[in-house]
């Protein structure tokens, strides 16, 4: 089953994921795109690249590493759709709670607006 990647957009049309990708150096943006392609195409994605965040409300993370740089892209599932919420450059071992909260808020907003 092929997944479909979709960027989450706020009510006003703002897309945090587009901003994040635009802020990345070209090589890192290329690597993010490559990992997202794996998420779309592979039936079983290695946990090196894609993993559910424990203790969250159905939030997953795409894990990207390029040299010493690490970034994360948060997402959630809606059927075959993988909704990308936002990304950030990881600077510490633990994922910042504020980033997880943001992803959960975006998910809640998406699901509420989808019902309408």
PDB file of N, CA and C in Angstrom:
ATOM      1  N   UNK A   1       0.842  -1.185   0.000  1.00  0.00           N
ATOM      2  CA  UNK A   1       0.000   0.000   0.000  1.00  0.00           C
ATOM      3  C   UNK A   1       0.883   1.243   0.000  1.00  0.00           C
ATOM      4  N   UNK A   2       0.694   2.072  -0.988  1.00  0.00           N
ATOM      5  CA  UNK A   2       1.493   3.297  -1.098  1.00  0.00           C
ATOM      6  C   UNK A   2       0.896   4.392  -0.222  1.00  0.00           C
ATOM      7  N   UNK A   3       1.752   5.076   0.504  1.00  0.00           N
ATOM      8  CA  UNK A   3       1.317   6.215   1.317  1.00  0.00           C
ATOM      9  C   UNK A   3       1.412   7.493   0.485  1.00  0.00           C
ATOM     10  N   UNK A   4       0.659   8.490   0.895  1.00  0.00           N
ATOM     11  CA  UNK A   4       0.672   9.783   0.212  1.00  0.00           C
ATOM     12  C   UNK A   4       1.087  10.844   1.227  1.00  0.00           C
ATOM     13  N   UNK A   5       2.130  11.590   0.899  1.00  0.00           N
ATOM     14  CA  UNK A   5       2.627  12.649   1.778  1.00  0.00           C
ATOM     15  C   UNK A   5       1.837  13.935   1.522  1.00  0.00           C
ATOM     16  N   UNK A   6       1.343  14.532   2.601  1.00  0.00           N
ATOM     17  CA  UNK A   6       0.609  15.800   2.507  1.00  0.00           C
ATOM     18  C   UNK A   6       1.156  16.756   3.554  1.00  0.00           C
ATOM     19  N   UNK A   7       1.324  18.005   3.182  1.00  0.00           N
ATOM     20  CA  UNK A   7       1.774  19.025   4.133  1.00  0.00           C
ATOM     21  C   UNK A   7       0.564  19.612   4.842  1.00  0.00           C
ATOM     22  N   UNK A   8       0.612  19.643   6.153  1.00  0.00           N
ATOM     23  CA  UNK A   8      -0.450  20.269   6.947  1.00  0.00           C
ATOM     24  C   UNK A   8      -0.442  21.766   6.688  1.00  0.00           C
ATOM     25  N   UNK A   9      -1.644  22.322   6.548  1.00  0.00           N
ATOM     26  CA  UNK A   9      -1.786  23.775   6.390  1.00  0.00           C
ATOM     27  C   UNK A   9      -2.740  24.282   7.468  1.00  0.00           C
ATOM     28  N   UNK A  10      -2.382  25.417   8.064  1.00  0.00           N
ATOM     29  CA  UNK A  10      -3.245  26.047   9.063  1.00  0.00           C
ATOM     30  C   UNK A  10      -4.459  26.655   8.378  1.00  0.00           C
ATOM     31  N   UNK A  11      -5.435  27.105   9.179  1.00  0.00           N
ATOM     32  CA  UNK A  11      -6.654  27.709   8.646  1.00  0.00           C
ATOM     33  C   UNK A  11      -6.340  28.845   7.677  1.00  0.00           C
ATOM     34  N   UNK A  12      -5.321  29.642   8.010  1.00  0.00           N
ATOM     35  CA  UNK A  12      -4.968  30.794   7.165  1.00  0.00           C
ATOM     36  C   UNK A  12      -4.109  30.416   5.953  1.00  0.00           C
ATOM     37  N   UNK A  13      -3.852  29.104   5.776  1.00  0.00           N
ATOM     38  CA  UNK A  13      -3.081  28.653   4.616  1.00  0.00           C
ATOM     39  C   UNK A  13      -1.591  28.525   4.867  1.00  0.00           C
ATOM     40  N   UNK A  14      -1.142  28.994   6.045  1.00  0.00           N
ATOM     41  CA  UNK A  14       0.293  28.891   6.372  1.00  0.00           C
ATOM     42  C   UNK A  14       0.695  27.414   6.498  1.00  0.00           C
ATOM     43  N   UNK A  15       1.859  27.080   5.938  1.00  0.00           N
ATOM     44  CA  UNK A  15       2.352  25.705   5.959  1.00  0.00           C
ATOM     45  C   UNK A  15       3.719  25.655   6.655  1.00  0.00           C
ATOM     46  N   UNK A  16       3.744  25.211   7.940  1.00  0.00           N
ATOM     47  CA  UNK A  16       5.009  25.164   8.690  1.00  0.00           C
ATOM     48  C   UNK A  16       6.073  24.293   8.013  1.00  0.00           C
ATOM     49  N   UNK A  17       5.650  23.240   7.351  1.00  0.00           N
ATOM     50  CA  UNK A  17       6.596  22.323   6.704  1.00  0.00           C
ATOM     51  C   UNK A  17       7.328  22.992   5.546  1.00  0.00           C
ATOM     52  N   UNK A  18       6.622  23.791   4.769  1.00  0.00           N
ATOM     53  CA  UNK A  18       7.265  24.507   3.650  1.00  0.00           C
ATOM     54  C   UNK A  18       8.334  25.459   4.177  1.00  0.00           C
ATOM     55  N   UNK A  19       7.990  26.183   5.247  1.00  0.00           N
ATOM     56  CA  UNK A  19       8.958  27.102   5.860  1.00  0.00           C
ATOM     57  C   UNK A  19      10.194  26.356   6.333  1.00  0.00           C
ATOM     58  N   UNK A  20       9.970  25.199   6.978  1.00  0.00           N
ATOM     59  CA  UNK A  20      11.081  24.407   7.483  1.00  0.00           C
ATOM     60  C   UNK A  20      11.986  23.956   6.338  1.00  0.00           C
ATOM     61  N   UNK A  21      11.405  23.403   5.294  1.00  0.00           N
ATOM     62  CA  UNK A  21      12.207  22.935   4.148  1.00  0.00           C
ATOM     63  C   UNK A  21      12.980  24.092   3.511  1.00  0.00           C
ATOM     64  N   UNK A  22      12.330  25.242   3.395  1.00  0.00           N
ATOM     65  CA  UNK A  22      12.999  26.413   2.813  1.00  0.00           C
ATOM     66  C   UNK A  22      14.174  26.892   3.660  1.00  0.00           C
ATOM     67  N   UNK A  23      14.133  26.620   4.965  1.00  0.00           N
ATOM     68  CA  UNK A  23      15.189  27.096   5.867  1.00  0.00           C
ATOM     69  C   UNK A  23      16.426  26.185   5.868  1.00  0.00           C
ATOM     70  N   UNK A  24      16.299  25.002   5.280  1.00  0.00           N
ATOM     71  CA  UNK A  24      17.395  24.027   5.335  1.00  0.00           C
ATOM     72  C   UNK A  24      18.442  24.266   4.250  1.00  0.00           C
ATOM     73  N   UNK A  25      19.706  23.898   4.561  1.00  0.00           N
ATOM     74  CA  UNK A  25      20.723  23.903   3.504  1.00  0.00           C
ATOM     75  C   UNK A  25      20.311  22.897   2.420  1.00  0.00           C
ATOM     76  N   UNK A  26      20.683  23.137   1.163  1.00  0.00           N
ATOM     77  CA  UNK A  26      20.246  22.273   0.055  1.00  0.00           C
ATOM     78  C   UNK A  26      20.471  20.774   0.275  1.00  0.00           C
ATOM     79  N   UNK A  27      21.647  20.395   0.778  1.00  0.00           N
ATOM     80  CA  UNK A  27      21.927  18.964   0.959  1.00  0.00           C
ATOM     81  C   UNK A  27      21.005  18.329   1.996  1.00  0.00           C
ATOM     82  N   UNK A  28      20.707  19.066   3.075  1.00  0.00           N
ATOM     83  CA  UNK A  28      19.797  18.541   4.104  1.00  0.00           C
ATOM     84  C   UNK A  28      18.368  18.445   3.554  1.00  0.00           C
ATOM     85  N   UNK A  29      17.955  19.445   2.801  1.00  0.00           N
ATOM     86  CA  UNK A  29      16.619  19.425   2.191  1.00  0.00           C
ATOM     87  C   UNK A  29      16.486  18.222   1.256  1.00  0.00           C
ATOM     88  N   UNK A  30      17.555  17.932   0.536  1.00  0.00           N
ATOM     89  CA  UNK A  30      17.591  16.785  -0.376  1.00  0.00           C
ATOM     90  C   UNK A  30      17.438  15.483   0.414  1.00  0.00           C
ATOM     91  N   UNK A  31      18.119  15.382   1.539  1.00  0.00           N
ATOM     92  CA  UNK A  31      18.050  14.177   2.378  1.00  0.00           C
ATOM     93  C   UNK A  31      16.645  14.016   2.975  1.00  0.00           C
ATOM     94  N   UNK A  32      16.043  15.118   3.411  1.00  0.00           N
ATOM     95  CA  UNK A  32      14.669  15.080   3.933  1.00  0.00           C
ATOM     96  C   UNK A  32      13.737  14.529   2.845  1.00  0.00           C
ATOM     97  N   UNK A  33      13.860  15.043   1.634  1.00  0.00           N
ATOM     98  CA  UNK A  33      13.030  14.602   0.511  1.00  0.00           C
ATOM     99  C   UNK A  33      13.225  13.109   0.255  1.00  0.00           C
ATOM    100  N   UNK A  34      14.468  12.639   0.339  1.00  0.00           N
ATOM    101  CA  UNK A  34      14.778  11.221   0.131  1.00  0.00           C
ATOM    102  C   UNK A  34      14.097  10.348   1.186  1.00  0.00           C
ATOM    103  N   UNK A  35      14.171  10.768   2.449  1.00  0.00           N
ATOM    104  CA  UNK A  35      13.538  10.003   3.536  1.00  0.00           C
ATOM    105  C   UNK A  35      12.017  10.004   3.359  1.00  0.00           C
ATOM    106  N   UNK A  36      11.449  11.128   2.971  1.00  0.00           N
ATOM    107  CA  UNK A  36       9.995  11.195   2.763  1.00  0.00           C
ATOM    108  C   UNK A  36       9.565  10.263   1.627  1.00  0.00           C
ATOM    109  N   UNK A  37      10.426  10.126   0.627  1.00  0.00           N
ATOM    110  CA  UNK A  37      10.148   9.200  -0.487  1.00  0.00           C
ATOM    111  C   UNK A  37      10.104   7.759   0.039  1.00  0.00           C
ATOM    112  N   UNK A  38      11.010   7.419   0.964  1.00  0.00           N
ATOM    113  CA  UNK A  38      10.989   6.084   1.583  1.00  0.00           C
ATOM    114  C   UNK A  38       9.661   5.855   2.305  1.00  0.00           C
ATOM    115  N   UNK A  39       9.227   6.871   3.047  1.00  0.00           N
ATOM    116  CA  UNK A  39       7.970   6.774   3.798  1.00  0.00           C
ATOM    117  C   UNK A  39       6.812   6.514   2.835  1.00  0.00           C
ATOM    118  N   UNK A  40       6.847   7.167   1.687  1.00  0.00           N
ATOM    119  CA  UNK A  40       5.785   6.966   0.688  1.00  0.00           C
ATOM    120  C   UNK A  40       5.840   5.574   0.067  1.00  0.00           C
ATOM    121  N   UNK A  41       7.041   5.122  -0.257  1.00  0.00           N
ATOM    122  CA  UNK A  41       7.183   3.943  -1.117  1.00  0.00           C
ATOM    123  C   UNK A  41       7.331   2.594  -0.416  1.00  0.00           C
ATOM    124  N   UNK A  42       7.974   2.564   0.759  1.00  0.00           N
ATOM    125  CA  UNK A  42       8.259   1.276   1.398  1.00  0.00           C
ATOM    126  C   UNK A  42       7.092   0.789   2.253  1.00  0.00           C
ATOM    127  N   UNK A  43       6.813  -0.515   2.188  1.00  0.00           N
ATOM    128  CA  UNK A  43       5.785  -1.095   3.054  1.00  0.00           C
ATOM    129  C   UNK A  43       6.240  -1.040   4.504  1.00  0.00           C
ATOM    130  N   UNK A  44       7.495  -1.429   4.727  1.00  0.00           N
ATOM    131  CA  UNK A  44       8.073  -1.403   6.076  1.00  0.00           C
ATOM    132  C   UNK A  44       9.259  -0.445   6.085  1.00  0.00           C
ATOM    133  N   UNK A  45       9.079   0.655   6.764  1.00  0.00           N
ATOM    134  CA  UNK A  45      10.120   1.685   6.799  1.00  0.00           C
ATOM    135  C   UNK A  45      11.033   1.405   7.986  1.00  0.00           C
ATOM    136  N   UNK A  46      12.355   1.329   7.765  1.00  0.00           N
ATOM    137  CA  UNK A  46      13.272   1.090   8.889  1.00  0.00           C
ATOM    138  C   UNK A  46      13.109   2.166   9.968  1.00  0.00           C
ATOM    139  N   UNK A  47      13.171   1.760  11.239  1.00  0.00           N
ATOM    140  CA  UNK A  47      12.988   2.711  12.348  1.00  0.00           C
ATOM    141  C   UNK A  47      14.105   3.752  12.395  1.00  0.00           C
ATOM    142  N   UNK A  48      15.169   3.515  11.653  1.00  0.00           N
ATOM    143  CA  UNK A  48      16.224   4.531  11.515  1.00  0.00           C
ATOM    144  C   UNK A  48      15.617   5.806  10.943  1.00  0.00           C
ATOM    145  N   UNK A  49      14.598   5.643  10.102  1.00  0.00           N
ATOM    146  CA  UNK A  49      14.024   6.773   9.377  1.00  0.00           C
ATOM    147  C   UNK A  49      12.620   7.179   9.815  1.00  0.00           C
ATOM    148  N   UNK A  50      11.896   6.276  10.498  1.00  0.00           N
ATOM    149  CA  UNK A  50      10.485   6.531  10.767  1.00  0.00           C
ATOM    150  C   UNK A  50      10.061   5.765  12.001  1.00  0.00           C
ATOM    151  N   UNK A  51       9.502   6.489  12.975  1.00  0.00           N
ATOM    152  CA  UNK A  51       9.219   5.841  14.246  1.00  0.00           C
ATOM    153  C   UNK A  51       8.119   6.595  14.995  1.00  0.00           C
ATOM    154  N   UNK A  52       7.257   5.842  15.689  1.00  0.00           N
ATOM    155  CA  UNK A  52       6.204   6.465  16.495  1.00  0.00           C
ATOM    156  C   UNK A  52       6.829   7.029  17.760  1.00  0.00           C
ATOM    157  N   UNK A  53       6.401   8.218  18.131  1.00  0.00           N
ATOM    158  CA  UNK A  53       6.898   8.823  19.371  1.00  0.00           C
ATOM    159  C   UNK A  53       6.111   8.252  20.547  1.00  0.00           C
ATOM    160  N   UNK A  54       6.798   7.628  21.470  1.00  0.00           N
ATOM    161  CA  UNK A  54       6.181   7.013  22.632  1.00  0.00           C
ATOM    162  C   UNK A  54       5.518   8.088  23.497  1.00  0.00           C
ATOM    163  N   UNK A  55       4.332   7.769  24.000  1.00  0.00           N
ATOM    164  CA  UNK A  55       3.642   8.689  24.899  1.00  0.00           C
ATOM    165  C   UNK A  55       2.986   9.874  24.208  1.00  0.00           C
ATOM    166  N   UNK A  56       2.802   9.783  22.890  1.00  0.00           N
ATOM    167  CA  UNK A  56       2.167  10.884  22.164  1.00  0.00           C
ATOM    168  C   UNK A  56       0.817  10.436  21.630  1.00  0.00           C
ATOM    169  N   UNK A  57       0.085  11.407  21.152  1.00  0.00           N
ATOM    170  CA  UNK A  57      -1.224  11.171  20.572  1.00  0.00           C
ATOM    171  C   UNK A  57      -1.057  10.856  19.074  1.00  0.00           C
ATOM    172  N   UNK A  58      -0.546   9.659  18.782  1.00  0.00           N
ATOM    173  CA  UNK A  58      -0.373   9.189  17.389  1.00  0.00           C
ATOM    174  C   UNK A  58       0.554  10.059  16.544  1.00  0.00           C
ATOM    175  N   UNK A  59       1.605  10.586  17.163  1.00  0.00           N
ATOM    176  CA  UNK A  59       2.578  11.383  16.412  1.00  0.00           C
ATOM    177  C   UNK A  59       3.770  10.487  16.043  1.00  0.00           C
ATOM    178  N   UNK A  60       4.174  10.582  14.801  1.00  0.00           N
ATOM    179  CA  UNK A  60       5.330   9.846  14.283  1.00  0.00           C
ATOM    180  C   UNK A  60       6.414  10.863  13.930  1.00  0.00           C
ATOM    181  N   UNK A  61       7.649  10.374  13.834  1.00  0.00           N
ATOM    182  CA  UNK A  61       8.721  11.269  13.402  1.00  0.00           C
ATOM    183  C   UNK A  61       9.503  10.627  12.277  1.00  0.00           C
ATOM    184  N   UNK A  62       9.834  11.456  11.287  1.00  0.00           N
ATOM    185  CA  UNK A  62      10.764  11.064  10.233  1.00  0.00           C
ATOM    186  C   UNK A  62      12.113  11.538  10.732  1.00  0.00           C
ATOM    187  N   UNK A  63      13.067  10.619  10.721  1.00  0.00           N
ATOM    188  CA  UNK A  63      14.371  10.903  11.320  1.00  0.00           C
ATOM    189  C   UNK A  63      15.408  11.067  10.217  1.00  0.00           C
ATOM    190  N   UNK A  64      16.020  12.237  10.179  1.00  0.00           N
ATOM    191  CA  UNK A  64      16.975  12.539   9.117  1.00  0.00           C
ATOM    192  C   UNK A  64      18.302  12.967   9.725  1.00  0.00           C
ATOM    193  N   UNK A  65      19.362  12.343   9.222  1.00  0.00           N
ATOM    194  CA  UNK A  65      20.713  12.689   9.683  1.00  0.00           C
ATOM    195  C   UNK A  65      21.592  12.895   8.456  1.00  0.00           C
ATOM    196  N   UNK A  66      22.363  13.968   8.508  1.00  0.00           N
ATOM    197  CA  UNK A  66      23.315  14.249   7.448  1.00  0.00           C
ATOM    198  C   UNK A  66      24.573  14.747   8.127  1.00  0.00           C
ATOM    199  N   UNK A  67      25.607  13.929   8.110  1.00  0.00           N
ATOM    200  CA  UNK A  67      26.831  14.273   8.828  1.00  0.00           C
ATOM    201  C   UNK A  67      26.506  14.393  10.308  1.00  0.00           C
ATOM    202  N   UNK A  68      26.842  15.523  10.910  1.00  0.00           N
ATOM    203  CA  UNK A  68      26.558  15.736  12.328  1.00  0.00           C
ATOM    204  C   UNK A  68      25.204  16.412  12.557  1.00  0.00           C
ATOM    205  N   UNK A  69      24.555  16.813  11.479  1.00  0.00           N
ATOM    206  CA  UNK A  69      23.258  17.486  11.596  1.00  0.00           C
ATOM    207  C   UNK A  69      22.124  16.467  11.662  1.00  0.00           C
ATOM    208  N   UNK A  70      21.194  16.726  12.569  1.00  0.00           N
ATOM    209  CA  UNK A  70      20.036  15.852  12.729  1.00  0.00           C
ATOM    210  C   UNK A  70      18.789  16.719  12.678  1.00  0.00           C
ATOM    211  N   UNK A  71      17.816  16.283  11.897  1.00  0.00           N
ATOM    212  CA  UNK A  71      16.543  16.986  11.957  1.00  0.00           C
ATOM    213  C   UNK A  71      15.413  15.976  12.042  1.00  0.00           C
ATOM    214  N   UNK A  72      14.285  16.453  12.498  1.00  0.00           N
ATOM    215  CA  UNK A  72      13.106  15.626  12.667  1.00  0.00           C
ATOM    216  C   UNK A  72      11.933  16.297  11.972  1.00  0.00           C
ATOM    217  N   UNK A  73      11.101  15.473  11.355  1.00  0.00           N
ATOM    218  CA  UNK A  73       9.859  15.949  10.765  1.00  0.00           C
ATOM    219  C   UNK A  73       8.739  15.162  11.428  1.00  0.00           C
ATOM    220  N   UNK A  74       7.804  15.868  12.044  1.00  0.00           N
ATOM    221  CA  UNK A  74       6.682  15.207  12.711  1.00  0.00           C
ATOM    222  C   UNK A  74       5.528  15.011  11.738  1.00  0.00           C
ATOM    223  N   UNK A  75       4.786  13.925  11.975  1.00  0.00           N
ATOM    224  CA  UNK A  75       3.644  13.632  11.126  1.00  0.00           C
ATOM    225  C   UNK A  75       2.638  12.769  11.883  1.00  0.00           C
ATOM    226  N   UNK A  76       1.493  12.573  11.259  1.00  0.00           N
ATOM    227  CA  UNK A  76       0.492  11.648  11.774  1.00  0.00           C
ATOM    228  C   UNK A  76      -0.208  11.032  10.571  1.00  0.00           C
ATOM    229  N   UNK A  77      -0.944   9.971  10.810  1.00  0.00           N
ATOM    230  CA  UNK A  77      -1.568   9.231   9.715  1.00  0.00           C
ATOM    231  C   UNK A  77      -3.059   9.522   9.635  1.00  0.00           C
ATOM    232  N   UNK A  78      -3.554   9.565   8.411  1.00  0.00           N
ATOM    233  CA  UNK A  78      -4.986   9.686   8.140  1.00  0.00           C
ATOM    234  C   UNK A  78      -5.263   8.740   6.984  1.00  0.00           C
ATOM    235  N   UNK A  79      -5.550   7.490   7.302  1.00  0.00           N
ATOM    236  CA  UNK A  79      -5.690   6.468   6.265  1.00  0.00           C
ATOM    237  C   UNK A  79      -4.340   6.256   5.592  1.00  0.00           C
ATOM    238  N   UNK A  80      -4.292   6.400   4.263  1.00  0.00           N
ATOM    239  CA  UNK A  80      -3.012   6.248   3.546  1.00  0.00           C
ATOM    240  C   UNK A  80      -2.228   7.556   3.506  1.00  0.00           C
ATOM    241  N   UNK A  81      -2.847   8.631   4.029  1.00  0.00           N
ATOM    242  CA  UNK A  81      -2.173   9.931   4.024  1.00  0.00           C
ATOM    243  C   UNK A  81      -1.239  10.063   5.224  1.00  0.00           C
ATOM    244  N   UNK A  82      -0.042  10.566   4.953  1.00  0.00           N
ATOM    245  CA  UNK A  82       0.907  10.915   6.008  1.00  0.00           C
ATOM    246  C   UNK A  82       0.934  12.437   6.017  1.00  0.00           C
ATOM    247  N   UNK A  83       0.377  13.016   7.081  1.00  0.00           N
ATOM    248  CA  UNK A  83       0.279  14.471   7.173  1.00  0.00           C
ATOM    249  C   UNK A  83       1.502  15.002   7.913  1.00  0.00           C
ATOM    250  N   UNK A  84       2.363  15.730   7.193  1.00  0.00           N
ATOM    251  CA  UNK A  84       3.563  16.303   7.797  1.00  0.00           C
ATOM    252  C   UNK A  84       3.195  17.617   8.474  1.00  0.00           C
ATOM    253  N   UNK A  85       3.495  17.725   9.766  1.00  0.00           N
ATOM    254  CA  UNK A  85       3.128  18.946  10.485  1.00  0.00           C
ATOM    255  C   UNK A  85       4.226  19.994  10.404  1.00  0.00           C
ATOM    256  N   UNK A  86       5.415  19.643  10.877  1.00  0.00           N
ATOM    257  CA  UNK A  86       6.527  20.602  10.891  1.00  0.00           C
ATOM    258  C   UNK A  86       7.824  19.846  11.156  1.00  0.00           C
ATOM    259  N   UNK A  87       8.923  20.558  11.052  1.00  0.00           N
ATOM    260  CA  UNK A  87      10.224  19.953  11.320  1.00  0.00           C
ATOM    261  C   UNK A  87      11.068  20.885  12.163  1.00  0.00           C
ATOM    262  N   UNK A  88      12.146  20.346  12.682  1.00  0.00           N
ATOM    263  CA  UNK A  88      13.087  21.168  13.443  1.00  0.00           C
ATOM    264  C   UNK A  88      14.457  20.515  13.429  1.00  0.00           C
ATOM    265  N   UNK A  89      15.477  21.309  13.689  1.00  0.00           N
ATOM    266  CA  UNK A  89      16.844  20.809  13.801  1.00  0.00           C
ATOM    267  C   UNK A  89      17.013  20.328  15.236  1.00  0.00           C
ATOM    268  N   UNK A  90      17.462  19.108  15.379  1.00  0.00           N
ATOM    269  CA  UNK A  90      17.596  18.528  16.716  1.00  0.00           C
ATOM    270  C   UNK A  90      18.970  18.877  17.280  1.00  0.00           C
ATOM    271  N   UNK A  91      18.962  19.453  18.481  1.00  0.00           N
ATOM    272  CA  UNK A  91      20.216  19.891  19.087  1.00  0.00           C
ATOM    273  C   UNK A  91      20.520  19.169  20.402  1.00  0.00           C
ATOM    274  N   UNK A  92      19.590  18.329  20.875  1.00  0.00           N
ATOM    275  CA  UNK A  92      19.818  17.604  22.132  1.00  0.00           C
ATOM    276  C   UNK A  92      19.295  16.178  22.009  1.00  0.00           C
ATOM    277  N   UNK A  93      19.651  15.334  22.971  1.00  0.00           N
ATOM    278  CA  UNK A  93      19.224  13.937  22.950  1.00  0.00           C
ATOM    279  C   UNK A  93      17.707  13.804  22.952  1.00  0.00           C
ATOM    280  N   UNK A  94      17.074  14.542  23.866  1.00  0.00           N
ATOM    281  CA  UNK A  94      15.624  14.437  23.997  1.00  0.00           C
ATOM    282  C   UNK A  94      14.916  15.384  23.036  1.00  0.00           C
ATOM    283  N   UNK A  95      13.807  14.881  22.488  1.00  0.00           N
ATOM    284  CA  UNK A  95      12.993  15.718  21.622  1.00  0.00           C
ATOM    285  C   UNK A  95      12.256  16.735  22.489  1.00  0.00           C
ATOM    286  N   UNK A  96      12.379  18.031  22.183  1.00  0.00           N
ATOM    287  CA  UNK A  96      11.714  19.055  22.998  1.00  0.00           C
ATOM    288  C   UNK A  96      10.196  18.854  23.061  1.00  0.00           C
ATOM    289  N   UNK A  97       9.653  18.918  24.270  1.00  0.00           N
ATOM    290  CA  UNK A  97       8.215  18.734  24.480  1.00  0.00           C
ATOM    291  C   UNK A  97       7.398  19.756  23.699  1.00  0.00           C
ATOM    292  N   UNK A  98       7.939  20.958  23.567  1.00  0.00           N
ATOM    293  CA  UNK A  98       7.220  22.015  22.846  1.00  0.00           C
ATOM    294  C   UNK A  98       6.987  21.610  21.384  1.00  0.00           C
ATOM    295  N   UNK A  99       7.941  20.901  20.790  1.00  0.00           N
ATOM    296  CA  UNK A  99       7.799  20.447  19.393  1.00  0.00           C
ATOM    297  C   UNK A  99       6.735  19.355  19.285  1.00  0.00           C
ATOM    298  N   UNK A 100       6.706  18.444  20.249  1.00  0.00           N
ATOM    299  CA  UNK A 100       5.708  17.367  20.261  1.00  0.00           C
ATOM    300  C   UNK A 100       4.317  17.973  20.435  1.00  0.00           C
ATOM    301  N   UNK A 101       4.214  18.917  21.371  1.00  0.00           N
ATOM    302  CA  UNK A 101       2.933  19.588  21.643  1.00  0.00           C
ATOM    303  C   UNK A 101       2.420  20.273  20.375  1.00  0.00           C
ATOM    304  N   UNK A 102       3.332  20.926  19.659  1.00  0.00           N
ATOM    305  CA  UNK A 102       2.971  21.613  18.420  1.00  0.00           C
ATOM    306  C   UNK A 102       2.366  20.610  17.424  1.00  0.00           C
ATOM    307  N   UNK A 103       3.021  19.460  17.267  1.00  0.00           N
ATOM    308  CA  UNK A 103       2.537  18.426  16.341  1.00  0.00           C
ATOM    309  C   UNK A 103       1.157  17.924  16.761  1.00  0.00           C
ATOM    310  N   UNK A 104       0.960  17.730  18.072  1.00  0.00           N
ATOM    311  CA  UNK A 104      -0.341  17.258  18.565  1.00  0.00           C
ATOM    312  C   UNK A 104      -1.435  18.305  18.334  1.00  0.00           C
ATOM    313  N   UNK A 105      -1.083  19.580  18.501  1.00  0.00           N
ATOM    314  CA  UNK A 105      -2.036  20.668  18.261  1.00  0.00           C
ATOM    315  C   UNK A 105      -2.421  20.712  16.782  1.00  0.00           C
ATOM    316  N   UNK A 106      -1.432  20.593  15.898  1.00  0.00           N
ATOM    317  CA  UNK A 106      -1.694  20.596  14.456  1.00  0.00           C
ATOM    318  C   UNK A 106      -2.576  19.406  14.073  1.00  0.00           C
ATOM    319  N   UNK A 107      -2.314  18.247  14.658  1.00  0.00           N
ATOM    320  CA  UNK A 107      -3.109  17.041  14.368  1.00  0.00           C
ATOM    321  C   UNK A 107      -4.564  17.260  14.771  1.00  0.00           C
ATOM    322  N   UNK A 108      -4.759  17.786  15.976  1.00  0.00           N
ATOM    323  CA  UNK A 108      -6.110  18.036  16.498  1.00  0.00           C
ATOM    324  C   UNK A 108      -6.842  19.012  15.564  1.00  0.00           C
ATOM    325  N   UNK A 109      -6.165  20.081  15.162  1.00  0.00           N
ATOM    326  CA  UNK A 109      -6.742  21.073  14.260  1.00  0.00           C
ATOM    327  C   UNK A 109      -7.134  20.422  12.932  1.00  0.00           C
ATOM    328  N   UNK A 110      -6.243  19.622  12.375  1.00  0.00           N
ATOM    329  CA  UNK A 110      -6.497  18.942  11.097  1.00  0.00           C
ATOM    330  C   UNK A 110      -7.730  18.048  11.196  1.00  0.00           C
ATOM    331  N   UNK A 111      -7.779  17.234  12.245  1.00  0.00           N
ATOM    332  CA  UNK A 111      -8.881  16.296  12.400  1.00  0.00           C
ATOM    333  C   UNK A 111     -10.214  17.013  12.620  1.00  0.00           C
ATOM    334  N   UNK A 112     -10.196  18.106  13.358  1.00  0.00           N
ATOM    335  CA  UNK A 112     -11.427  18.894  13.571  1.00  0.00           C
ATOM    336  C   UNK A 112     -11.920  19.519  12.274  1.00  0.00           C
ATOM    337  N   UNK A 113     -11.004  20.085  11.519  1.00  0.00           N
ATOM    338  CA  UNK A 113     -11.399  20.731  10.253  1.00  0.00           C
ATOM    339  C   UNK A 113     -11.780  19.707   9.196  1.00  0.00           C
ATOM    340  N   UNK A 114     -11.237  18.515   9.267  1.00  0.00           N
ATOM    341  CA  UNK A 114     -11.563  17.459   8.295  1.00  0.00           C
ATOM    342  C   UNK A 114     -13.017  17.038   8.435  1.00  0.00           C
ATOM    343  N   UNK A 115     -13.541  17.081   9.659  1.00  0.00           N
ATOM    344  CA  UNK A 115     -14.932  16.676   9.923  1.00  0.00           C
ATOM    345  C   UNK A 115     -15.939  17.604   9.247  1.00  0.00           C
ATOM    346  N   UNK A 116     -15.555  18.872   9.106  1.00  0.00           N
ATOM    347  CA  UNK A 116     -16.488  19.886   8.594  1.00  0.00           C
ATOM    348  C   UNK A 116     -16.875  19.601   7.148  1.00  0.00           C
TER     349      UNK A 116
END
